[in-house]
Amino acid sequence: MGKLVLYFSKFGNTESIARRIAEKTGADICKIEPIEPYPENLQEVMEIGRNETDNEIMRPIKQLEVDLSKYDKVILGMPTWWYHTPPCVESFLKNAALEKITVFVTNSGIPLNVDDEMKRISPNTYVESSEIIEFTPLVEPSRLVTPLEEIDAWIETL
């Protein structure tokens, strides 16, 4: 059994942290990808994502390229979309039936209550731990706000 870092990232912030976790822990890594990709334009993504989130529309995802049963630790990474889980991650969680999970969330000042979200989406999944990692807003060149030392200290607990 091993570790898997599973993540969704549209503009690269969550992916950068997912890759750091995989590198430092030796975990496998896999990206959650929607069947119909989001557009590249930030404003369009914001409009579509807000509509999906507000109307609880789950975006279907491609089949994962990994077998989740081969991992005893799944570390899920996602950005915050309007105080919620992105629709494609919600699609994954509703269908994955995970017993336990570790979660990291990237945000640009929009908080996400991981425990409340997991209870809403996947009430039978136990959240072992969670970490919130802050970036500056995407409308400017996005940069990491949370100190790397703090992130690395959390990674060491994994």
N, C-alpha and C. Protein backbone atom coordinates (compact mmCIF):
# COMPACT_ATOMS: atom_id res chain seq x y z
N MET A 1 0.85 -1.19 0.00
CA MET A 1 0.00 0.00 0.00
C MET A 1 0.90 1.24 0.00
N GLY A 2 0.38 2.30 -0.56
CA GLY A 2 1.18 3.51 -0.66
C GLY A 2 0.33 4.76 -0.55
N LYS A 3 0.96 5.87 -0.93
CA LYS A 3 0.31 7.17 -0.88
C LYS A 3 0.02 7.65 -2.30
N LEU A 4 -1.10 8.36 -2.42
CA LEU A 4 -1.48 8.95 -3.69
C LEU A 4 -1.87 10.40 -3.45
N VAL A 5 -1.28 11.29 -4.25
CA VAL A 5 -1.71 12.68 -4.27
C VAL A 5 -2.63 12.82 -5.48
N LEU A 6 -3.86 13.14 -5.21
CA LEU A 6 -4.88 13.27 -6.24
C LEU A 6 -5.34 14.73 -6.20
N TYR A 7 -5.36 15.40 -7.35
CA TYR A 7 -5.65 16.83 -7.31
C TYR A 7 -6.40 17.30 -8.54
N PHE A 8 -7.08 18.44 -8.37
CA PHE A 8 -7.66 19.19 -9.47
C PHE A 8 -7.04 20.57 -9.41
N SER A 9 -6.58 21.06 -10.56
CA SER A 9 -5.99 22.38 -10.64
C SER A 9 -6.28 22.97 -12.00
N LYS A 10 -6.85 24.14 -12.03
CA LYS A 10 -7.14 24.78 -13.32
C LYS A 10 -6.00 25.71 -13.75
N PHE A 11 -5.46 26.48 -12.81
CA PHE A 11 -4.46 27.48 -13.17
C PHE A 11 -3.08 27.23 -12.58
N GLY A 12 -2.87 26.04 -11.98
CA GLY A 12 -1.53 25.63 -11.57
C GLY A 12 -1.16 25.75 -10.12
N ASN A 13 -1.90 26.51 -9.32
CA ASN A 13 -1.52 26.67 -7.91
C ASN A 13 -1.63 25.36 -7.14
N THR A 14 -2.76 24.69 -7.26
CA THR A 14 -2.95 23.43 -6.56
C THR A 14 -1.98 22.38 -7.08
N GLU A 15 -1.76 22.37 -8.38
CA GLU A 15 -0.81 21.41 -8.97
C GLU A 15 0.59 21.60 -8.41
N SER A 16 1.03 22.84 -8.21
CA SER A 16 2.37 23.08 -7.68
C SER A 16 2.53 22.47 -6.29
N ILE A 17 1.49 22.58 -5.47
CA ILE A 17 1.55 22.00 -4.11
C ILE A 17 1.46 20.48 -4.20
N ALA A 18 0.61 19.96 -5.07
CA ALA A 18 0.48 18.51 -5.23
C ALA A 18 1.82 17.89 -5.63
N ARG A 19 2.50 18.53 -6.55
CA ARG A 19 3.81 18.02 -6.99
C ARG A 19 4.84 18.09 -5.86
N ARG A 20 4.78 19.12 -5.06
CA ARG A 20 5.69 19.24 -3.92
C ARG A 20 5.45 18.11 -2.92
N ILE A 21 4.19 17.83 -2.64
CA ILE A 21 3.85 16.75 -1.71
C ILE A 21 4.35 15.41 -2.25
N ALA A 22 4.07 15.14 -3.52
CA ALA A 22 4.50 13.87 -4.13
C ALA A 22 6.01 13.73 -4.09
N GLU A 23 6.71 14.81 -4.40
CA GLU A 23 8.18 14.78 -4.41
C GLU A 23 8.74 14.52 -3.01
N LYS A 24 8.18 15.17 -2.01
CA LYS A 24 8.71 15.06 -0.65
C LYS A 24 8.29 13.77 0.06
N THR A 25 7.18 13.15 -0.37
CA THR A 25 6.70 11.94 0.31
C THR A 25 6.92 10.67 -0.51
N GLY A 26 7.28 10.83 -1.78
CA GLY A 26 7.42 9.66 -2.65
C GLY A 26 6.08 9.10 -3.11
N ALA A 27 5.02 9.88 -2.94
CA ALA A 27 3.68 9.43 -3.32
C ALA A 27 3.51 9.44 -4.84
N ASP A 28 2.61 8.59 -5.31
CA ASP A 28 2.17 8.67 -6.70
C ASP A 28 1.30 9.92 -6.84
N ILE A 29 1.11 10.36 -8.08
CA ILE A 29 0.33 11.57 -8.30
C ILE A 29 -0.60 11.37 -9.49
N CYS A 30 -1.81 11.93 -9.38
CA CYS A 30 -2.81 11.79 -10.45
C CYS A 30 -3.70 13.03 -10.45
N LYS A 31 -4.03 13.50 -11.63
CA LYS A 31 -4.86 14.70 -11.78
C LYS A 31 -6.31 14.31 -12.06
N ILE A 32 -7.24 14.99 -11.38
CA ILE A 32 -8.66 14.86 -11.68
C ILE A 32 -8.94 15.80 -12.85
N GLU A 33 -9.50 15.24 -13.92
CA GLU A 33 -9.76 16.06 -15.10
C GLU A 33 -11.22 15.95 -15.52
N PRO A 34 -11.86 17.09 -15.75
CA PRO A 34 -13.24 17.04 -16.24
C PRO A 34 -13.27 16.52 -17.67
N ILE A 35 -14.35 15.81 -18.01
CA ILE A 35 -14.51 15.33 -19.38
C ILE A 35 -14.55 16.51 -20.34
N GLU A 36 -15.33 17.51 -19.99
CA GLU A 36 -15.36 18.74 -20.78
C GLU A 36 -14.50 19.77 -20.06
N PRO A 37 -13.32 20.08 -20.61
CA PRO A 37 -12.40 21.01 -19.91
C PRO A 37 -13.02 22.40 -19.76
N TYR A 38 -12.58 23.07 -18.72
CA TYR A 38 -12.95 24.47 -18.54
C TYR A 38 -12.17 25.30 -19.56
N PRO A 39 -12.71 26.46 -19.96
CA PRO A 39 -11.97 27.32 -20.89
C PRO A 39 -10.69 27.85 -20.26
N GLU A 40 -9.82 28.42 -21.06
CA GLU A 40 -8.56 28.97 -20.55
C GLU A 40 -8.73 30.37 -19.96
N ASN A 41 -9.74 31.07 -20.39
CA ASN A 41 -9.98 32.44 -19.95
C ASN A 41 -10.47 32.46 -18.50
N LEU A 42 -9.78 33.19 -17.64
CA LEU A 42 -10.11 33.25 -16.21
C LEU A 42 -11.54 33.71 -15.98
N GLN A 43 -11.96 34.76 -16.67
CA GLN A 43 -13.31 35.30 -16.47
C GLN A 43 -14.37 34.27 -16.83
N GLU A 44 -14.16 33.54 -17.94
CA GLU A 44 -15.12 32.51 -18.35
C GLU A 44 -15.18 31.39 -17.32
N VAL A 45 -14.02 30.97 -16.83
CA VAL A 45 -13.97 29.90 -15.82
C VAL A 45 -14.71 30.35 -14.57
N MET A 46 -14.51 31.60 -14.19
CA MET A 46 -15.18 32.12 -12.99
C MET A 46 -16.70 32.11 -13.17
N GLU A 47 -17.19 32.50 -14.33
CA GLU A 47 -18.63 32.51 -14.58
C GLU A 47 -19.21 31.09 -14.59
N ILE A 48 -18.54 30.19 -15.29
CA ILE A 48 -19.01 28.80 -15.38
C ILE A 48 -18.94 28.13 -14.01
N GLY A 49 -17.80 28.27 -13.34
CA GLY A 49 -17.61 27.67 -12.03
C GLY A 49 -18.60 28.18 -11.00
N ARG A 50 -18.87 29.47 -11.04
CA ARG A 50 -19.83 30.05 -10.09
C ARG A 50 -21.23 29.49 -10.35
N ASN A 51 -21.60 29.40 -11.62
CA ASN A 51 -22.91 28.85 -11.98
C ASN A 51 -23.02 27.39 -11.53
N GLU A 52 -21.99 26.59 -11.79
CA GLU A 52 -22.01 25.18 -11.38
C GLU A 52 -22.10 25.04 -9.87
N THR A 53 -21.33 25.86 -9.17
CA THR A 53 -21.32 25.80 -7.71
C THR A 53 -22.66 26.25 -7.13
N ASP A 54 -23.15 27.40 -7.60
CA ASP A 54 -24.42 27.92 -7.08
C ASP A 54 -25.58 26.98 -7.34
N ASN A 55 -25.54 26.28 -8.46
CA ASN A 55 -26.65 25.41 -8.85
C ASN A 55 -26.38 23.93 -8.58
N GLU A 56 -25.30 23.66 -7.84
CA GLU A 56 -24.91 22.30 -7.46
C GLU A 56 -24.85 21.36 -8.65
N ILE A 57 -24.23 21.85 -9.73
CA ILE A 57 -24.04 21.06 -10.94
C ILE A 57 -22.68 20.36 -10.82
N MET A 58 -22.69 19.04 -10.84
CA MET A 58 -21.43 18.30 -10.78
C MET A 58 -20.91 18.10 -12.20
N ARG A 59 -19.66 18.45 -12.42
CA ARG A 59 -19.05 18.29 -13.74
C ARG A 59 -18.45 16.89 -13.82
N PRO A 60 -18.88 16.08 -14.78
CA PRO A 60 -18.34 14.72 -14.91
C PRO A 60 -16.83 14.74 -15.16
N ILE A 61 -16.16 13.72 -14.64
CA ILE A 61 -14.70 13.63 -14.78
C ILE A 61 -14.30 12.40 -15.59
N LYS A 62 -13.08 12.49 -16.13
CA LYS A 62 -12.50 11.35 -16.83
C LYS A 62 -12.18 10.26 -15.81
N GLN A 63 -12.14 9.03 -16.26
CA GLN A 63 -11.76 7.95 -15.37
C GLN A 63 -10.32 8.17 -14.91
N LEU A 64 -10.08 7.96 -13.63
CA LEU A 64 -8.73 8.13 -13.09
C LEU A 64 -7.79 7.08 -13.67
N GLU A 65 -6.53 7.46 -13.77
CA GLU A 65 -5.52 6.55 -14.31
C GLU A 65 -4.86 5.73 -13.20
N VAL A 66 -5.50 5.65 -12.06
CA VAL A 66 -4.97 4.89 -10.93
C VAL A 66 -6.09 4.05 -10.31
N ASP A 67 -5.68 3.00 -9.60
CA ASP A 67 -6.61 2.16 -8.86
C ASP A 67 -6.54 2.59 -7.39
N LEU A 68 -7.57 3.25 -6.91
CA LEU A 68 -7.55 3.79 -5.54
C LEU A 68 -7.38 2.71 -4.48
N SER A 69 -7.78 1.49 -4.78
CA SER A 69 -7.67 0.41 -3.79
C SER A 69 -6.22 0.05 -3.48
N LYS A 70 -5.29 0.52 -4.27
CA LYS A 70 -3.87 0.22 -4.05
C LYS A 70 -3.21 1.19 -3.08
N TYR A 71 -3.98 2.12 -2.55
CA TYR A 71 -3.40 3.16 -1.68
C TYR A 71 -4.07 3.15 -0.32
N ASP A 72 -3.24 3.24 0.72
CA ASP A 72 -3.81 3.35 2.06
C ASP A 72 -3.92 4.80 2.50
N LYS A 73 -3.32 5.72 1.74
CA LYS A 73 -3.44 7.15 2.04
C LYS A 73 -3.68 7.90 0.74
N VAL A 74 -4.82 8.61 0.70
CA VAL A 74 -5.13 9.47 -0.44
C VAL A 74 -5.12 10.91 0.06
N ILE A 75 -4.30 11.72 -0.60
CA ILE A 75 -4.17 13.14 -0.27
C ILE A 75 -4.82 13.90 -1.42
N LEU A 76 -5.93 14.56 -1.14
CA LEU A 76 -6.71 15.24 -2.16
C LEU A 76 -6.43 16.74 -2.12
N GLY A 77 -6.08 17.30 -3.28
CA GLY A 77 -5.84 18.73 -3.38
C GLY A 77 -6.83 19.39 -4.31
N MET A 78 -7.29 20.57 -3.92
CA MET A 78 -8.27 21.29 -4.74
C MET A 78 -8.24 22.78 -4.40
N PRO A 79 -8.62 23.61 -5.36
CA PRO A 79 -8.82 25.02 -5.04
C PRO A 79 -10.20 25.21 -4.43
N THR A 80 -10.40 26.36 -3.81
CA THR A 80 -11.73 26.74 -3.33
C THR A 80 -12.45 27.47 -4.45
N TRP A 81 -13.68 27.07 -4.72
CA TRP A 81 -14.50 27.75 -5.71
C TRP A 81 -15.73 28.27 -5.00
N TRP A 82 -15.79 29.57 -4.76
CA TRP A 82 -16.92 30.23 -4.12
C TRP A 82 -17.32 29.53 -2.83
N TYR A 83 -16.35 29.36 -1.96
CA TYR A 83 -16.53 28.78 -0.63
C TYR A 83 -16.86 27.29 -0.66
N HIS A 84 -16.69 26.65 -1.82
CA HIS A 84 -17.05 25.24 -1.95
C HIS A 84 -15.99 24.44 -2.72
N THR A 85 -16.23 23.14 -2.75
CA THR A 85 -15.42 22.21 -3.53
C THR A 85 -15.72 22.41 -5.01
N PRO A 86 -14.72 22.40 -5.89
CA PRO A 86 -15.00 22.51 -7.32
C PRO A 86 -15.92 21.37 -7.78
N PRO A 87 -16.80 21.65 -8.74
CA PRO A 87 -17.77 20.64 -9.18
C PRO A 87 -17.15 19.32 -9.64
N CYS A 88 -16.02 19.34 -10.32
CA CYS A 88 -15.44 18.06 -10.76
C CYS A 88 -14.87 17.26 -9.59
N VAL A 89 -14.39 17.94 -8.55
CA VAL A 89 -13.91 17.23 -7.36
C VAL A 89 -15.10 16.65 -6.60
N GLU A 90 -16.19 17.40 -6.58
CA GLU A 90 -17.40 16.88 -5.94
C GLU A 90 -17.87 15.61 -6.66
N SER A 91 -17.81 15.61 -7.99
CA SER A 91 -18.16 14.41 -8.76
C SER A 91 -17.30 13.23 -8.34
N PHE A 92 -16.00 13.47 -8.20
CA PHE A 92 -15.09 12.41 -7.76
C PHE A 92 -15.49 11.90 -6.38
N LEU A 93 -15.67 12.81 -5.43
CA LEU A 93 -15.95 12.42 -4.05
C LEU A 93 -17.27 11.66 -3.91
N LYS A 94 -18.28 12.05 -4.65
CA LYS A 94 -19.58 11.37 -4.55
C LYS A 94 -19.52 9.95 -5.07
N ASN A 95 -18.56 9.66 -5.94
CA ASN A 95 -18.48 8.33 -6.55
C ASN A 95 -17.33 7.47 -6.03
N ALA A 96 -16.42 8.04 -5.26
CA ALA A 96 -15.21 7.32 -4.86
C ALA A 96 -15.40 6.41 -3.65
N ALA A 97 -16.30 6.72 -2.76
CA ALA A 97 -16.55 5.93 -1.55
C ALA A 97 -15.26 5.69 -0.76
N LEU A 98 -14.54 6.76 -0.47
CA LEU A 98 -13.31 6.65 0.32
C LEU A 98 -13.65 6.59 1.81
N GLU A 99 -12.94 5.74 2.54
CA GLU A 99 -13.16 5.65 3.99
C GLU A 99 -12.50 6.82 4.72
N LYS A 100 -11.30 7.19 4.26
CA LYS A 100 -10.58 8.30 4.89
C LYS A 100 -9.79 9.03 3.82
N ILE A 101 -9.49 10.29 4.15
CA ILE A 101 -8.81 11.13 3.18
C ILE A 101 -8.08 12.26 3.91
N THR A 102 -7.00 12.71 3.33
CA THR A 102 -6.31 13.91 3.79
C THR A 102 -6.53 14.95 2.70
N VAL A 103 -6.81 16.18 3.09
CA VAL A 103 -7.20 17.20 2.11
C VAL A 103 -6.31 18.44 2.26
N PHE A 104 -5.90 18.99 1.11
CA PHE A 104 -5.32 20.33 1.14
C PHE A 104 -6.09 21.18 0.14
N VAL A 105 -6.30 22.43 0.54
CA VAL A 105 -7.09 23.36 -0.25
C VAL A 105 -6.26 24.59 -0.51
N THR A 106 -6.22 25.01 -1.77
CA THR A 106 -5.58 26.28 -2.10
C THR A 106 -6.68 27.31 -2.26
N ASN A 107 -6.40 28.54 -1.82
CA ASN A 107 -7.40 29.58 -1.97
C ASN A 107 -6.73 30.94 -2.14
N SER A 108 -7.52 31.87 -2.59
CA SER A 108 -7.07 33.25 -2.77
C SER A 108 -7.91 34.16 -1.90
N GLY A 109 -8.03 33.80 -0.65
CA GLY A 109 -8.79 34.60 0.30
C GLY A 109 -10.23 34.13 0.47
N ILE A 110 -10.64 33.09 -0.26
CA ILE A 110 -11.99 32.54 -0.10
C ILE A 110 -11.86 31.25 0.70
N PRO A 111 -12.24 31.27 1.97
CA PRO A 111 -12.04 30.08 2.80
C PRO A 111 -12.99 28.94 2.46
N LEU A 112 -12.58 27.75 2.83
CA LEU A 112 -13.40 26.56 2.66
C LEU A 112 -13.35 25.78 3.97
N ASN A 113 -14.50 25.42 4.50
CA ASN A 113 -14.54 24.59 5.70
C ASN A 113 -14.54 23.14 5.23
N VAL A 114 -13.36 22.52 5.28
CA VAL A 114 -13.17 21.17 4.75
C VAL A 114 -14.11 20.17 5.42
N ASP A 115 -14.19 20.21 6.74
CA ASP A 115 -15.04 19.24 7.45
C ASP A 115 -16.51 19.37 7.03
N ASP A 116 -17.02 20.60 6.96
CA ASP A 116 -18.41 20.79 6.55
C ASP A 116 -18.64 20.33 5.11
N GLU A 117 -17.70 20.64 4.23
CA GLU A 117 -17.83 20.24 2.82
C GLU A 117 -17.82 18.72 2.69
N MET A 118 -16.94 18.05 3.40
CA MET A 118 -16.87 16.60 3.30
C MET A 118 -18.13 15.95 3.86
N LYS A 119 -18.66 16.50 4.95
CA LYS A 119 -19.91 15.96 5.50
C LYS A 119 -21.05 16.13 4.51
N ARG A 120 -21.04 17.24 3.78
CA ARG A 120 -22.09 17.51 2.79
C ARG A 120 -21.97 16.58 1.58
N ILE A 121 -20.75 16.39 1.10
CA ILE A 121 -20.53 15.65 -0.14
C ILE A 121 -20.40 14.15 0.09
N SER A 122 -19.60 13.79 1.07
CA SER A 122 -19.26 12.38 1.30
C SER A 122 -19.29 12.10 2.81
N PRO A 123 -20.48 12.00 3.40
CA PRO A 123 -20.60 11.92 4.86
C PRO A 123 -19.93 10.71 5.50
N ASN A 124 -19.64 9.68 4.74
CA ASN A 124 -19.00 8.50 5.32
C ASN A 124 -17.48 8.51 5.19
N THR A 125 -16.93 9.60 4.69
CA THR A 125 -15.48 9.72 4.55
C THR A 125 -14.91 10.49 5.73
N TYR A 126 -13.94 9.89 6.39
CA TYR A 126 -13.28 10.52 7.54
C TYR A 126 -12.12 11.37 7.03
N VAL A 127 -12.06 12.63 7.44
CA VAL A 127 -10.96 13.53 7.08
C VAL A 127 -9.88 13.40 8.15
N GLU A 128 -8.75 12.75 7.77
CA GLU A 128 -7.64 12.55 8.71
C GLU A 128 -7.00 13.87 9.10
N SER A 129 -6.75 14.72 8.10
CA SER A 129 -6.20 16.04 8.36
C SER A 129 -6.47 16.91 7.14
N SER A 130 -6.36 18.22 7.36
CA SER A 130 -6.55 19.14 6.25
C SER A 130 -5.62 20.33 6.43
N GLU A 131 -5.32 20.96 5.33
CA GLU A 131 -4.43 22.12 5.34
C GLU A 131 -4.96 23.13 4.33
N ILE A 132 -4.97 24.39 4.72
CA ILE A 132 -5.36 25.48 3.84
C ILE A 132 -4.09 26.21 3.42
N ILE A 133 -3.90 26.36 2.11
CA ILE A 133 -2.70 27.00 1.57
C ILE A 133 -3.16 28.19 0.75
N GLU A 134 -2.66 29.36 1.13
CA GLU A 134 -3.15 30.58 0.51
C GLU A 134 -2.21 31.10 -0.58
N PHE A 135 -2.84 31.54 -1.67
CA PHE A 135 -2.16 32.22 -2.77
C PHE A 135 -2.78 33.59 -2.94
N THR A 136 -2.10 34.50 -3.63
CA THR A 136 -2.71 35.78 -3.97
C THR A 136 -3.77 35.52 -5.04
N PRO A 137 -4.69 36.46 -5.25
CA PRO A 137 -5.73 36.26 -6.28
C PRO A 137 -5.15 36.03 -7.67
N LEU A 138 -5.89 35.27 -8.48
CA LEU A 138 -5.46 34.95 -9.83
C LEU A 138 -5.48 36.15 -10.77
N VAL A 139 -6.21 37.21 -10.41
CA VAL A 139 -6.29 38.37 -11.29
C VAL A 139 -4.96 39.12 -11.37
N GLU A 140 -4.08 38.87 -10.44
CA GLU A 140 -2.71 39.39 -10.51
C GLU A 140 -1.81 38.18 -10.72
N PRO A 141 -0.56 38.38 -11.04
CA PRO A 141 0.29 37.17 -11.10
C PRO A 141 0.24 36.47 -9.74
N SER A 142 -0.33 35.29 -9.73
CA SER A 142 -0.56 34.56 -8.48
C SER A 142 0.75 34.10 -7.87
N ARG A 143 0.87 34.29 -6.56
CA ARG A 143 2.06 33.82 -5.84
C ARG A 143 1.64 33.25 -4.50
N LEU A 144 2.47 32.39 -3.99
CA LEU A 144 2.21 31.73 -2.72
C LEU A 144 2.29 32.72 -1.57
N VAL A 145 1.30 32.69 -0.67
CA VAL A 145 1.29 33.53 0.52
C VAL A 145 1.71 32.71 1.75
N THR A 146 1.19 31.50 1.89
CA THR A 146 1.55 30.63 3.01
C THR A 146 3.05 30.31 2.92
N PRO A 147 3.79 30.49 4.01
CA PRO A 147 5.23 30.20 3.96
C PRO A 147 5.53 28.74 3.63
N LEU A 148 6.52 28.53 2.76
CA LEU A 148 6.91 27.18 2.38
C LEU A 148 7.28 26.33 3.59
N GLU A 149 7.88 26.94 4.59
CA GLU A 149 8.27 26.20 5.79
C GLU A 149 7.04 25.60 6.47
N GLU A 150 5.96 26.36 6.48
CA GLU A 150 4.71 25.89 7.09
C GLU A 150 4.13 24.72 6.28
N ILE A 151 4.17 24.84 4.96
CA ILE A 151 3.68 23.78 4.09
C ILE A 151 4.52 22.52 4.26
N ASP A 152 5.84 22.69 4.26
CA ASP A 152 6.74 21.54 4.41
C ASP A 152 6.58 20.86 5.76
N ALA A 153 6.32 21.65 6.81
CA ALA A 153 6.10 21.05 8.14
C ALA A 153 4.84 20.18 8.11
N TRP A 154 3.79 20.64 7.42
CA TRP A 154 2.58 19.83 7.28
C TRP A 154 2.86 18.58 6.45
N ILE A 155 3.59 18.73 5.37
CA ILE A 155 3.92 17.58 4.51
C ILE A 155 4.65 16.51 5.32
N GLU A 156 5.51 16.90 6.22
CA GLU A 156 6.26 15.93 7.04
C GLU A 156 5.33 15.08 7.89
N THR A 157 4.14 15.56 8.19
CA THR A 157 3.20 14.78 9.00
C THR A 157 2.47 13.72 8.18
N LEU A 158 2.63 13.79 6.86
CA LEU A 158 1.92 12.86 6.00
C LEU A 158 2.65 11.53 5.93
